[in-house]
Protein backbone atom coordinates (compact mmCIF):
# COMPACT_ATOMS: atom_id res chain seq x y z
CA MET A 1 9.94 14.28 13.46
CA PRO A 2 7.70 17.46 12.99
CA ASP A 3 6.22 18.63 9.73
CA ASN A 4 8.63 18.58 7.04
CA PRO A 5 7.66 21.17 4.24
CA ASN A 6 7.82 20.32 0.53
CA LEU A 7 10.37 22.19 -1.32
CA ASP A 8 10.04 22.44 -4.98
CA ASP A 9 13.10 22.54 -7.56
CA LEU A 10 13.65 25.55 -7.39
CA ASP A 11 13.53 25.86 -3.44
CA LEU A 12 16.45 22.87 -3.81
CA ASP A 13 18.31 24.36 -6.70
CA LEU A 14 18.30 27.92 -4.82
CA ILE A 15 19.76 26.39 -1.18
CA ALA A 16 22.31 24.54 -3.43
CA ALA A 17 23.52 27.92 -5.36
CA LEU A 18 23.64 29.18 -1.64
CA GLN A 19 26.04 26.36 -0.83
CA HIS A 20 28.30 27.49 -3.18
CA ALA A 21 27.87 30.93 -2.83
CA PRO A 22 26.28 32.05 -0.11
CA ARG A 23 26.86 36.13 -0.46
CA ALA A 24 26.20 36.15 -4.11
CA PRO A 25 23.56 38.98 -4.98
CA VAL A 26 20.22 37.91 -5.66
CA ASN A 27 20.34 38.86 -9.55
CA VAL A 28 23.31 36.50 -9.83
CA LEU A 29 21.74 33.39 -8.34
CA ALA A 30 18.68 34.32 -10.76
CA ASP A 31 20.93 34.33 -13.86
CA VAL A 32 22.11 30.75 -12.68
CA LEU A 33 19.16 29.33 -12.15
CA GLY A 34 17.35 30.73 -14.53
CA SER A 35 14.60 32.68 -12.99
CA SER A 36 13.95 36.61 -11.77
CA PRO A 37 15.62 38.28 -9.39
CA SER A 38 11.71 39.43 -8.07
CA THR A 39 10.99 35.25 -8.05
CA VAL A 40 14.50 34.47 -6.08
CA LYS A 41 14.03 37.26 -3.84
CA ARG A 42 10.72 36.31 -2.50
CA ARG A 43 11.97 32.51 -2.37
CA MET A 44 14.80 33.50 -0.11
CA HIS A 45 12.47 35.69 1.99
CA ARG A 46 9.98 32.39 2.38
CA LEU A 47 12.28 29.68 3.20
CA THR A 48 13.80 32.38 5.97
CA THR A 49 10.85 33.51 7.23
CA ARG A 50 9.56 29.94 7.70
CA ARG A 51 13.15 29.10 9.55
CA LEU A 52 14.00 26.69 7.00
CA ILE A 53 17.34 28.33 6.37
CA ARG A 54 19.64 30.55 7.72
CA VAL A 55 22.99 31.96 5.54
CA ILE A 56 25.32 32.33 8.97
CA GLY A 57 29.16 33.08 9.44
CA GLN A 58 30.62 30.31 10.37
CA LEU A 59 33.42 31.67 12.33
CA ALA A 60 37.46 30.53 13.29
CA TRP A 61 37.21 29.48 16.42
CA SER A 62 40.96 30.31 17.11
CA ALA A 63 39.89 33.72 17.01
CA TYR A 64 38.10 33.46 19.94
CA SER A 65 39.40 30.79 21.84
CA ASP A 66 42.90 28.72 22.25
CA ALA A 67 41.26 25.83 22.93
CA HIS A 68 39.89 22.85 20.51
CA PRO A 69 36.99 21.45 20.42
CA ARG A 70 36.10 18.20 21.89
CA HIS A 71 33.49 15.36 20.52
CA VAL A 72 31.76 14.11 23.71
CA TRP A 73 30.17 10.78 24.08
CA ILE A 74 27.23 10.83 27.03
CA SER A 75 25.60 7.84 28.45
CA THR A 76 22.52 8.86 30.90
CA ALA A 77 20.44 7.30 33.22
CA PRO A 78 17.33 5.33 32.49
CA GLY A 79 14.71 8.62 31.55
CA GLN A 80 16.90 11.22 31.63
CA LEU A 81 18.20 11.43 27.65
CA GLN A 82 16.06 13.98 27.06
CA ALA A 83 16.40 16.39 30.20
CA VAL A 84 20.20 15.50 30.02
CA ALA A 85 20.30 16.82 26.24
CA HIS A 86 18.44 20.00 26.63
CA ARG A 87 20.60 21.14 30.17
CA LEU A 88 23.64 20.63 27.67
CA ALA A 89 21.89 22.27 24.85
CA ALA A 90 21.46 25.50 27.04
CA ASN A 91 24.99 25.48 27.74
CA PRO A 92 26.68 28.32 25.46
CA GLU A 93 30.47 26.18 25.21
CA ILE A 94 28.50 23.50 23.74
CA PRO A 95 27.55 24.25 20.35
CA PHE A 96 25.93 21.00 19.02
CA VAL A 97 23.62 18.35 20.87
CA ALA A 98 21.85 15.14 19.76
CA MET A 99 20.27 12.35 21.04
CA THR A 100 21.65 9.18 19.93
CA SER A 101 21.77 5.43 19.06
CA GLY A 102 24.91 3.26 19.01
CA ARG A 103 27.74 4.38 21.10
CA ALA A 104 26.24 6.81 23.52
CA ASP A 105 22.92 8.40 24.36
CA VAL A 106 23.99 12.04 24.05
CA TYR A 107 26.64 13.02 21.30
CA CYS A 108 27.89 16.41 21.53
CA VAL A 109 30.77 19.01 20.78
CA ALA A 110 32.49 21.17 23.67
CA HIS A 111 34.12 24.40 22.44
CA PRO A 112 35.63 25.57 25.93
CA ALA A 113 36.12 29.27 25.70
CA SER A 114 40.02 28.70 26.57
CA ARG A 115 42.23 26.22 27.28
CA GLU A 116 41.80 27.13 31.31
CA ARG A 117 38.17 26.02 30.74
CA VAL A 118 38.87 22.33 28.88
CA ARG A 119 39.05 20.78 32.79
CA ASP A 120 36.45 22.49 34.50
CA LEU A 121 33.91 22.06 31.54
CA LEU A 122 34.54 18.43 30.82
CA THR A 123 35.19 16.99 34.33
CA HIS A 124 32.57 19.21 36.50
CA GLU A 125 30.35 20.97 34.12
CA ILE A 126 29.22 18.07 31.95
CA GLN A 127 29.66 15.16 34.34
CA SER A 128 27.07 17.13 37.25
CA VAL A 129 24.45 17.48 35.03
CA PRO A 130 21.61 15.21 36.56
CA GLY A 131 21.28 12.09 35.18
CA VAL A 132 24.87 12.18 33.24
CA VAL A 133 26.26 8.52 34.56
CA ALA A 134 29.64 8.88 32.43
CA SER A 135 31.34 10.42 29.57
CA GLN A 136 33.95 10.20 27.15
CA SER A 137 35.44 12.64 25.05
CA ASP A 138 37.94 12.95 21.61
CA LEU A 139 39.79 16.18 21.05
CA VAL A 140 39.96 17.90 17.51
CA LEU A 141 43.72 18.15 16.23
CA ARG A 142 42.60 18.81 13.10
CA ALA A 143 39.55 19.39 10.73
CA ILE A 144 39.78 18.20 7.65
CA THR A 145 36.08 19.54 6.34
CA GLN A 146 33.57 21.20 7.82
CA ALA A 147 30.16 21.95 7.17
CA ASP A 148 30.81 24.55 4.98
CA GLY A 149 32.15 22.69 2.45
CA TRP A 150 28.98 20.19 2.40
CA ARG A 151 27.18 20.42 -0.72
CA LEU A 152 23.82 19.08 -2.02
CA ASP A 153 24.48 17.70 -5.84
CA ARG A 154 22.21 19.69 -8.26
CA LEU A 155 23.79 22.05 -10.35
CA THR A 156 25.40 21.64 -13.83
CA ALA A 157 29.73 21.88 -14.04
CA ASP A 158 28.64 25.32 -15.84
CA GLN A 159 26.44 26.67 -12.93
CA VAL A 160 29.04 25.60 -10.23
CA ALA A 161 31.52 27.80 -12.45
CA ALA A 162 29.29 30.74 -12.51
CA LEU A 163 28.82 30.83 -8.97
CA ALA A 164 32.43 30.10 -8.73
CA LEU A 165 33.37 33.70 -9.36
CA LYS A 166 31.13 34.76 -6.24
CA ALA A 167 32.62 32.47 -3.68
CA GLU A 168 34.36 33.66 -1.16
CA PRO A 169 38.00 32.49 -1.19
CA GLY A 170 39.15 29.33 -0.14
CA GLY A 171 41.82 27.94 1.88
CA GLU A 172 42.78 28.24 5.51
CA GLN A 173 45.00 31.35 7.25
CA PRO A 174 46.72 31.85 10.51
CA VAL A 175 44.03 33.66 12.44
CA GLU A 176 45.62 36.88 14.16
CA PRO A 177 43.84 38.80 17.29
CA LEU A 178 41.08 40.69 16.34
CA SER A 179 40.20 44.23 17.15
CA ASP A 180 37.05 45.10 18.88
CA GLN A 181 35.41 46.42 15.28
CA GLU A 182 36.79 43.41 13.69
CA ARG A 183 34.61 41.17 16.27
CA ARG A 184 31.81 43.09 16.58
CA THR A 185 31.42 43.26 12.89
CA ALA A 186 32.38 39.14 12.82
CA HIS A 187 29.32 38.23 15.02
CA LEU A 188 26.94 40.16 13.12
CA LEU A 189 28.06 38.09 9.96
CA HIS A 190 27.66 35.35 12.27
CA ALA A 191 24.05 36.00 12.68
CA ASP A 192 23.65 36.83 8.64
CA ALA A 193 26.30 36.60 6.65
CA ARG A 194 24.71 38.53 3.79
CA LEU A 195 24.77 41.75 5.23
CA SER A 196 25.82 44.43 3.39
CA SER A 197 28.22 47.01 4.04
CA SER A 198 25.74 49.79 4.50
CA ASP A 199 24.06 47.01 6.83
CA VAL A 200 27.20 46.75 8.95
CA ALA A 201 28.20 50.64 8.97
CA ARG A 202 24.98 51.37 10.38
CA GLU A 203 24.81 48.74 13.30
CA LEU A 204 28.19 49.32 14.04
CA ALA A 205 28.24 53.50 13.33
CA VAL A 206 30.99 53.43 10.81
CA SER A 207 31.35 55.01 7.50
CA GLN A 208 30.40 52.38 4.80
CA SER A 209 33.86 52.09 3.05
CA THR A 210 35.00 51.33 6.83
CA ALA A 211 32.72 48.54 7.19
CA TYR A 212 33.29 46.87 3.61
CA ARG A 213 37.10 46.76 4.45
CA LEU A 214 36.13 45.07 7.49
CA ILE A 215 33.83 42.33 5.76
CA GLN A 216 35.99 42.05 3.32
CA SER A 217 39.25 41.47 5.53
CA LEU A 218 37.44 38.90 7.70
CA LEU A 219 36.25 37.51 4.42
CA GLU A 220 39.69 36.71 2.63
CA ARG A 221 41.29 36.05 6.00
CA ARG A 222 38.34 33.13 6.42
CA VAL A 223 37.72 34.38 9.88
CA VAL A 224 34.42 34.28 8.43
CA ARG A 225 33.09 31.28 6.15
CA PRO A 226 29.46 32.23 4.70
CA ARG A 227 27.16 29.01 4.83
CA VAL A 228 23.96 28.00 4.56
CA GLU A 229 22.61 26.46 7.73
CA VAL A 230 19.82 24.30 6.99
CA GLU A 231 18.40 20.55 8.58
CA PRO A 232 20.22 17.81 6.15
CA ALA A 233 16.56 16.36 6.58
CA LEU A 234 14.68 19.12 4.72
CA LEU A 235 17.04 18.02 1.60
CA GLY A 236 16.06 14.79 1.89
CA MET A 237 19.12 13.59 3.77
CA ARG A 238 17.05 11.38 6.74
CA LEU A 239 19.51 10.06 8.35
CA GLU A 240 22.97 11.30 10.43
CA ALA A 241 25.06 9.19 11.99
CA ILE A 242 28.66 10.15 13.62
CA LEU A 243 31.40 7.66 12.98
CA SER A 244 34.51 7.24 15.32
CA VAL A 245 37.46 5.27 12.91
CA THR A 246 40.15 3.73 14.43
CA ALA A 247 42.74 3.81 11.93
CA GLU A 248 46.53 2.38 11.45
CA ALA A 249 49.02 5.06 12.82
CA GLY A 250 50.35 5.24 9.25
CA SER A 251 47.16 5.36 7.35
CA ILE A 252 45.40 8.52 9.49
CA ALA A 253 45.70 11.46 6.72
CA GLU A 254 44.87 9.01 4.31
CA VAL A 255 41.30 7.76 6.15
CA GLY A 256 40.66 11.23 6.90
CA ALA A 257 41.18 12.62 3.37
CA ALA A 258 39.42 9.30 2.09
CA LEU A 259 35.92 10.13 3.76
CA ALA A 260 36.38 13.88 3.72
CA ARG A 261 36.04 13.18 -0.15
CA HIS A 262 32.87 11.10 0.07
CA PRO A 263 29.76 13.23 -0.65
CA SER A 264 28.08 12.12 2.94
CA ALA A 265 30.60 13.75 4.70
CA ARG A 266 29.51 17.44 6.60
CA TYR A 267 32.27 17.17 9.01
CA VAL A 268 35.52 15.04 9.23
CA SER A 269 38.37 15.57 11.68
CA VAL A 270 41.45 13.77 13.24
CA VAL A 271 41.41 12.99 16.77
CA ALA A 272 43.15 12.08 19.41
CA GLY A 273 41.36 9.42 22.34
CA THR A 274 39.23 6.39 21.70
CA SER A 275 39.43 6.57 18.06
CA SER A 276 41.49 8.11 15.19
CA VAL A 277 38.68 10.01 12.59
CA ILE A 278 35.52 11.35 13.13
CA HIS A 279 33.22 11.33 10.73
CA HIS A 280 29.58 12.84 10.61
CA GLY A 281 27.79 11.94 7.73
CA ALA A 282 24.18 12.56 6.26
CA PHE A 283 22.76 9.84 4.13
CA ARG A 284 19.38 9.45 2.39
CA ASP A 285 18.43 6.62 4.57
CA GLU A 286 19.36 3.31 6.05
CA GLU A 287 20.40 1.71 2.91
CA ARG A 288 22.65 4.49 1.91
CA LEU A 289 24.43 4.22 5.28
CA ALA A 290 24.55 0.35 4.80
CA ASP A 291 26.10 0.97 1.32
CA PHE A 292 28.77 3.32 2.76
CA LEU A 293 29.36 0.91 6.21
CA SER A 294 29.59 -2.17 3.72
CA THR A 295 31.18 -1.20 0.44
CA ASP A 296 32.61 2.46 0.85
CA LEU A 297 34.16 2.71 4.21
CA ALA A 298 35.38 -1.16 3.60
CA GLY A 299 37.66 0.23 0.63
CA ILE A 300 39.34 2.60 2.60
CA SER A 301 43.02 0.85 3.74
CA GLY A 302 44.34 1.19 7.09
CA VAL A 303 40.62 1.56 8.77
CA THR A 304 40.88 -1.12 11.80
CA ALA A 305 37.83 -0.73 13.58
CA VAL A 306 34.52 1.88 13.45
CA GLN A 307 31.84 2.72 15.83
CA VAL A 308 28.29 3.97 14.51
CA SER A 309 26.04 6.51 16.55
CA VAL A 310 22.84 7.25 14.79
CA PHE A 311 20.83 10.64 15.75
CA LEU A 312 17.62 10.48 16.59
CA ASP A 313 16.90 14.07 16.91
CA VAL A 314 19.25 17.23 16.89
CA LEU A 315 18.28 20.04 19.56
CA ARG A 316 21.29 22.24 18.66
CA ARG A 317 23.68 22.87 15.83
CA TYR A 318 26.14 25.56 15.42
CA TRP A 319 24.82 27.20 18.62
CA ILE A 320 20.83 27.34 16.66
CA SER A 321 18.15 25.65 18.28
CA ARG A 322 16.25 22.89 16.00
CA THR A 323 12.85 21.99 16.10
CA GLY A 324 12.74 19.38 13.41
CA VAL A 325 13.68 20.54 9.87
CA ARG A 326 13.18 24.43 11.48
CA LEU A 327 15.60 26.31 12.87
CA GLY A 328 15.16 28.47 15.96
CA ALA A 329 17.09 30.77 18.27
CA SER A 330 20.87 31.63 17.87
CA ARG A 331 22.51 31.83 21.30
CA PRO A 332 25.77 34.36 20.65
CA LEU A 333 28.66 33.26 20.41
CA LEU A 334 31.19 33.81 23.75
CA SER A 335 32.81 36.90 23.26
CA GLY A 336 36.17 35.44 23.89
CA PRO A 337 39.54 35.91 25.77
């Protein structure tokens, strides 16, 4: 893995605070962390310019597509693994790509632009990539927890409570079709979720009050969910794995909920396919993964089988390219129907 910059306690505490309240003003972050606004601002600038963190807006896919995402496992021909992974990472309908060991050679997430695109994407475009031998996919039925809910456990209860006052609303709401202004605002917040109403007003050539209403509407309706984008390895989570968990029919909901509560959980979803629940976990090392498999997972009633794929390298995560722990370019999201 490329260089792994050392972060001090204030860096880590700042990232943890942003995970709880990604849009919190600098003075609030400084007060919670017991630092000065100038120091916090300087740290944020350094982390951002070094491409170690980025505060993005996680978008509700239902506002852009009527198709649910797919987890896809791909087997490749000998010597073709890296070429296949890079070709997949260039596809705008594939937001996540990792080279893995275990169940398959490549794991990716496919987000078709529409239901009409599902068959062509899965059976033609992915299958026709040179070097792909076979692929298998699971349909996401329901996301139980997503990356915006993953937290670094560093803050006190009082600090978390103070940040909660500046956090965005929780819960899910049905996403109605977006207007042109809402769609454009959502794309701006996707790239930088800390944009102010004056920033958005300037970009859209609208009044600041209009921009404020657009931003608040998208945040309150959970069309945009601000989150800190940072590689888990930078935070000491040096091992990531995808677990394909099979559960008894009557226990799927309980198994998914139990996995979502585990501190390793970055993304947990109920799926239809070869497994029942997919768990994307981040772990400090192999020992932590071993404990999870032999103790934590074993203690969940209803689990009947599990397959594990360990990440070797992540090329793309949520449409953002990766080089080790450093963030690269973000390809624009599909414009939607």
